[in-house]
N, C-alpha and C. Protein backbone atom coordinates (compact mmCIF):
# COMPACT_ATOMS: atom_id res chain seq x y z
N MET A 1 28.94 -14.28 -12.79
CA MET A 1 27.89 -13.27 -12.69
C MET A 1 28.57 -11.92 -12.40
N ASN A 2 28.20 -10.93 -13.18
CA ASN A 2 28.82 -9.62 -12.99
C ASN A 2 28.03 -8.79 -11.98
N TRP A 3 28.56 -7.65 -11.65
CA TRP A 3 27.95 -6.82 -10.60
C TRP A 3 26.61 -6.24 -11.04
N LEU A 4 26.41 -6.01 -12.33
CA LEU A 4 25.15 -5.46 -12.81
C LEU A 4 24.01 -6.47 -12.69
N ALA A 5 24.30 -7.73 -12.98
CA ALA A 5 23.28 -8.78 -12.81
C ALA A 5 22.93 -8.94 -11.34
N LEU A 6 23.93 -8.90 -10.49
CA LEU A 6 23.68 -9.02 -9.05
C LEU A 6 22.85 -7.84 -8.54
N ALA A 7 23.16 -6.64 -9.01
CA ALA A 7 22.39 -5.46 -8.60
C ALA A 7 20.95 -5.55 -9.10
N SER A 8 20.75 -6.11 -10.28
CA SER A 8 19.38 -6.28 -10.80
C SER A 8 18.59 -7.26 -9.96
N ILE A 9 19.21 -8.34 -9.54
CA ILE A 9 18.52 -9.34 -8.72
C ILE A 9 18.17 -8.76 -7.36
N VAL A 10 19.11 -8.05 -6.74
CA VAL A 10 18.85 -7.45 -5.43
C VAL A 10 17.78 -6.37 -5.55
N SER A 11 17.83 -5.57 -6.60
CA SER A 11 16.82 -4.52 -6.79
C SER A 11 15.43 -5.12 -7.01
N ALA A 12 15.36 -6.21 -7.75
CA ALA A 12 14.06 -6.86 -7.96
C ALA A 12 13.51 -7.41 -6.65
N ALA A 13 14.38 -8.00 -5.84
CA ALA A 13 13.93 -8.53 -4.55
C ALA A 13 13.45 -7.42 -3.64
N LEU A 14 14.16 -6.30 -3.62
CA LEU A 14 13.74 -5.17 -2.79
C LEU A 14 12.44 -4.55 -3.30
N ALA A 15 12.28 -4.48 -4.62
CA ALA A 15 11.06 -3.90 -5.18
C ALA A 15 9.84 -4.74 -4.80
N VAL A 16 9.97 -6.05 -4.88
CA VAL A 16 8.83 -6.91 -4.54
C VAL A 16 8.57 -6.89 -3.04
N SER A 17 9.62 -6.93 -2.23
CA SER A 17 9.40 -6.99 -0.78
C SER A 17 8.83 -5.68 -0.24
N PHE A 18 9.42 -4.55 -0.60
CA PHE A 18 8.89 -3.28 -0.12
C PHE A 18 7.58 -2.92 -0.82
N GLY A 19 7.42 -3.40 -2.04
CA GLY A 19 6.18 -3.15 -2.76
C GLY A 19 5.02 -3.96 -2.23
N ALA A 20 5.28 -4.98 -1.46
CA ALA A 20 4.20 -5.77 -0.86
C ALA A 20 3.86 -5.29 0.55
N ILE A 21 4.82 -4.70 1.23
CA ILE A 21 4.58 -4.25 2.61
C ILE A 21 3.61 -3.07 2.63
N GLY A 22 3.82 -2.10 1.77
CA GLY A 22 2.96 -0.91 1.75
C GLY A 22 1.50 -1.22 1.47
N PRO A 23 1.21 -1.93 0.38
CA PRO A 23 -0.19 -2.26 0.12
C PRO A 23 -0.82 -3.15 1.19
N ALA A 24 -0.05 -4.03 1.78
CA ALA A 24 -0.60 -4.89 2.84
C ALA A 24 -1.04 -4.06 4.03
N LEU A 25 -0.21 -3.11 4.43
CA LEU A 25 -0.58 -2.23 5.55
C LEU A 25 -1.76 -1.33 5.17
N GLY A 26 -1.74 -0.82 3.95
CA GLY A 26 -2.83 0.04 3.51
C GLY A 26 -4.16 -0.69 3.41
N GLU A 27 -4.12 -1.91 2.90
CA GLU A 27 -5.35 -2.69 2.79
C GLU A 27 -5.88 -3.06 4.17
N GLY A 28 -5.00 -3.37 5.08
CA GLY A 28 -5.44 -3.69 6.44
C GLY A 28 -6.11 -2.51 7.11
N ARG A 29 -5.53 -1.33 6.95
CA ARG A 29 -6.15 -0.14 7.54
C ARG A 29 -7.47 0.20 6.87
N ALA A 30 -7.54 0.02 5.56
CA ALA A 30 -8.79 0.33 4.84
C ALA A 30 -9.91 -0.61 5.25
N VAL A 31 -9.60 -1.89 5.37
CA VAL A 31 -10.63 -2.86 5.77
C VAL A 31 -11.06 -2.60 7.21
N ALA A 32 -10.12 -2.27 8.08
CA ALA A 32 -10.48 -1.99 9.47
C ALA A 32 -11.38 -0.76 9.55
N ALA A 33 -11.07 0.27 8.78
CA ALA A 33 -11.91 1.47 8.79
C ALA A 33 -13.29 1.19 8.21
N ALA A 34 -13.34 0.36 7.17
CA ALA A 34 -14.64 0.02 6.58
C ALA A 34 -15.49 -0.80 7.55
N MET A 35 -14.87 -1.73 8.23
CA MET A 35 -15.63 -2.53 9.20
C MET A 35 -16.14 -1.65 10.35
N ASP A 36 -15.33 -0.70 10.76
CA ASP A 36 -15.77 0.24 11.80
C ASP A 36 -16.94 1.08 11.31
N ALA A 37 -16.85 1.54 10.06
CA ALA A 37 -17.94 2.36 9.50
C ALA A 37 -19.22 1.54 9.33
N ILE A 38 -19.10 0.29 8.93
CA ILE A 38 -20.28 -0.56 8.78
C ILE A 38 -20.89 -0.86 10.14
N ALA A 39 -20.05 -1.04 11.15
CA ALA A 39 -20.58 -1.29 12.49
C ALA A 39 -21.32 -0.08 13.04
N ARG A 40 -20.86 1.12 12.69
CA ARG A 40 -21.52 2.33 13.17
C ARG A 40 -22.79 2.65 12.39
N GLN A 41 -22.78 2.32 11.11
CA GLN A 41 -23.92 2.68 10.25
C GLN A 41 -24.23 1.50 9.32
N PRO A 42 -24.92 0.48 9.81
CA PRO A 42 -25.17 -0.73 9.02
C PRO A 42 -26.01 -0.49 7.76
N GLU A 43 -26.84 0.52 7.75
CA GLU A 43 -27.68 0.76 6.57
C GLU A 43 -26.88 1.25 5.37
N ALA A 44 -25.67 1.72 5.58
CA ALA A 44 -24.81 2.18 4.49
C ALA A 44 -23.78 1.14 4.09
N ALA A 45 -24.01 -0.12 4.44
CA ALA A 45 -23.02 -1.17 4.20
C ALA A 45 -22.73 -1.36 2.71
N ASN A 46 -23.76 -1.28 1.86
CA ASN A 46 -23.54 -1.48 0.42
C ASN A 46 -22.65 -0.38 -0.16
N THR A 47 -22.91 0.84 0.20
CA THR A 47 -22.10 1.96 -0.30
C THR A 47 -20.68 1.88 0.23
N ILE A 48 -20.53 1.56 1.49
CA ILE A 48 -19.20 1.46 2.08
C ILE A 48 -18.42 0.32 1.44
N SER A 49 -19.07 -0.82 1.23
CA SER A 49 -18.39 -1.96 0.62
C SER A 49 -17.95 -1.65 -0.81
N ARG A 50 -18.81 -1.01 -1.56
CA ARG A 50 -18.47 -0.65 -2.94
C ARG A 50 -17.26 0.28 -2.97
N THR A 51 -17.29 1.29 -2.12
CA THR A 51 -16.17 2.22 -2.04
C THR A 51 -14.90 1.52 -1.56
N LEU A 52 -15.06 0.59 -0.63
CA LEU A 52 -13.91 -0.17 -0.13
C LEU A 52 -13.25 -0.97 -1.25
N PHE A 53 -14.05 -1.64 -2.07
CA PHE A 53 -13.47 -2.46 -3.14
C PHE A 53 -12.75 -1.62 -4.18
N VAL A 54 -13.28 -0.46 -4.49
CA VAL A 54 -12.59 0.44 -5.43
C VAL A 54 -11.28 0.91 -4.81
N GLY A 55 -11.31 1.27 -3.54
CA GLY A 55 -10.08 1.69 -2.86
C GLY A 55 -9.05 0.59 -2.77
N LEU A 56 -9.49 -0.63 -2.49
CA LEU A 56 -8.55 -1.76 -2.43
C LEU A 56 -7.92 -2.02 -3.79
N ALA A 57 -8.69 -1.86 -4.85
CA ALA A 57 -8.12 -2.05 -6.19
C ALA A 57 -7.05 -1.00 -6.47
N MET A 58 -7.29 0.23 -6.03
CA MET A 58 -6.29 1.29 -6.23
C MET A 58 -5.04 1.03 -5.40
N ILE A 59 -5.22 0.54 -4.19
CA ILE A 59 -4.07 0.23 -3.34
C ILE A 59 -3.26 -0.92 -3.93
N GLU A 60 -3.94 -1.90 -4.48
CA GLU A 60 -3.26 -3.10 -4.99
C GLU A 60 -2.45 -2.80 -6.25
N THR A 61 -2.78 -1.72 -6.95
CA THR A 61 -2.01 -1.41 -8.16
C THR A 61 -0.55 -1.11 -7.84
N MET A 62 -0.26 -0.59 -6.66
CA MET A 62 1.14 -0.33 -6.31
C MET A 62 1.93 -1.63 -6.24
N ALA A 63 1.35 -2.67 -5.67
CA ALA A 63 2.03 -3.96 -5.60
C ALA A 63 2.21 -4.55 -6.99
N ILE A 64 1.22 -4.39 -7.85
CA ILE A 64 1.33 -4.91 -9.21
C ILE A 64 2.42 -4.17 -9.98
N TYR A 65 2.49 -2.84 -9.81
CA TYR A 65 3.54 -2.08 -10.48
C TYR A 65 4.93 -2.50 -10.00
N CYS A 66 5.08 -2.76 -8.72
CA CYS A 66 6.37 -3.22 -8.20
C CYS A 66 6.73 -4.59 -8.77
N LEU A 67 5.75 -5.46 -8.91
CA LEU A 67 6.00 -6.76 -9.51
C LEU A 67 6.43 -6.62 -10.97
N VAL A 68 5.79 -5.73 -11.71
CA VAL A 68 6.15 -5.51 -13.11
C VAL A 68 7.58 -4.97 -13.21
N ILE A 69 7.94 -4.03 -12.35
CA ILE A 69 9.31 -3.49 -12.36
C ILE A 69 10.32 -4.59 -12.05
N ALA A 70 10.00 -5.45 -11.08
CA ALA A 70 10.91 -6.54 -10.73
C ALA A 70 11.07 -7.51 -11.90
N LEU A 71 9.97 -7.83 -12.57
CA LEU A 71 10.06 -8.74 -13.72
C LEU A 71 10.85 -8.10 -14.86
N LEU A 72 10.69 -6.80 -15.06
CA LEU A 72 11.48 -6.12 -16.08
C LEU A 72 12.97 -6.14 -15.73
N LEU A 73 13.29 -5.94 -14.47
CA LEU A 73 14.70 -5.98 -14.05
C LEU A 73 15.30 -7.37 -14.26
N LEU A 74 14.51 -8.40 -14.04
CA LEU A 74 15.04 -9.76 -14.14
C LEU A 74 15.09 -10.28 -15.57
N PHE A 75 14.06 -10.00 -16.36
CA PHE A 75 13.95 -10.68 -17.65
C PHE A 75 14.08 -9.77 -18.87
N ALA A 76 13.94 -8.48 -18.73
CA ALA A 76 14.01 -7.59 -19.89
C ALA A 76 14.97 -6.44 -19.65
N ASN A 77 16.02 -6.67 -18.91
CA ASN A 77 16.98 -5.62 -18.60
C ASN A 77 17.90 -5.42 -19.80
N PRO A 78 17.84 -4.26 -20.46
CA PRO A 78 18.68 -4.06 -21.65
C PRO A 78 20.16 -3.91 -21.31
N LEU A 79 20.49 -3.63 -20.07
CA LEU A 79 21.90 -3.45 -19.69
C LEU A 79 22.64 -4.77 -19.55
N LEU A 80 21.91 -5.87 -19.45
CA LEU A 80 22.55 -7.16 -19.24
C LEU A 80 22.82 -7.92 -20.52
N LYS A 81 22.44 -7.38 -21.66
CA LYS A 81 22.60 -8.11 -22.93
C LYS A 81 23.96 -7.94 -23.52
């Protein structure tokens, strides 16, 4: 195994690990804020929930992009051919 393949594997592992930490923290804070808002104003629960789900989808795209980059580094790296 050459150094470029090793660097690709390490980079893919770092991309997935750091790419999962950020969205996990962001989703936790978003859900906590939404639950606090629903507890303060229960009549707006439908609007808050809808906005929460759209926000969670936006947050989750970062993790998906990191996964795609990691898969590209592992399986479609043009430098390793």
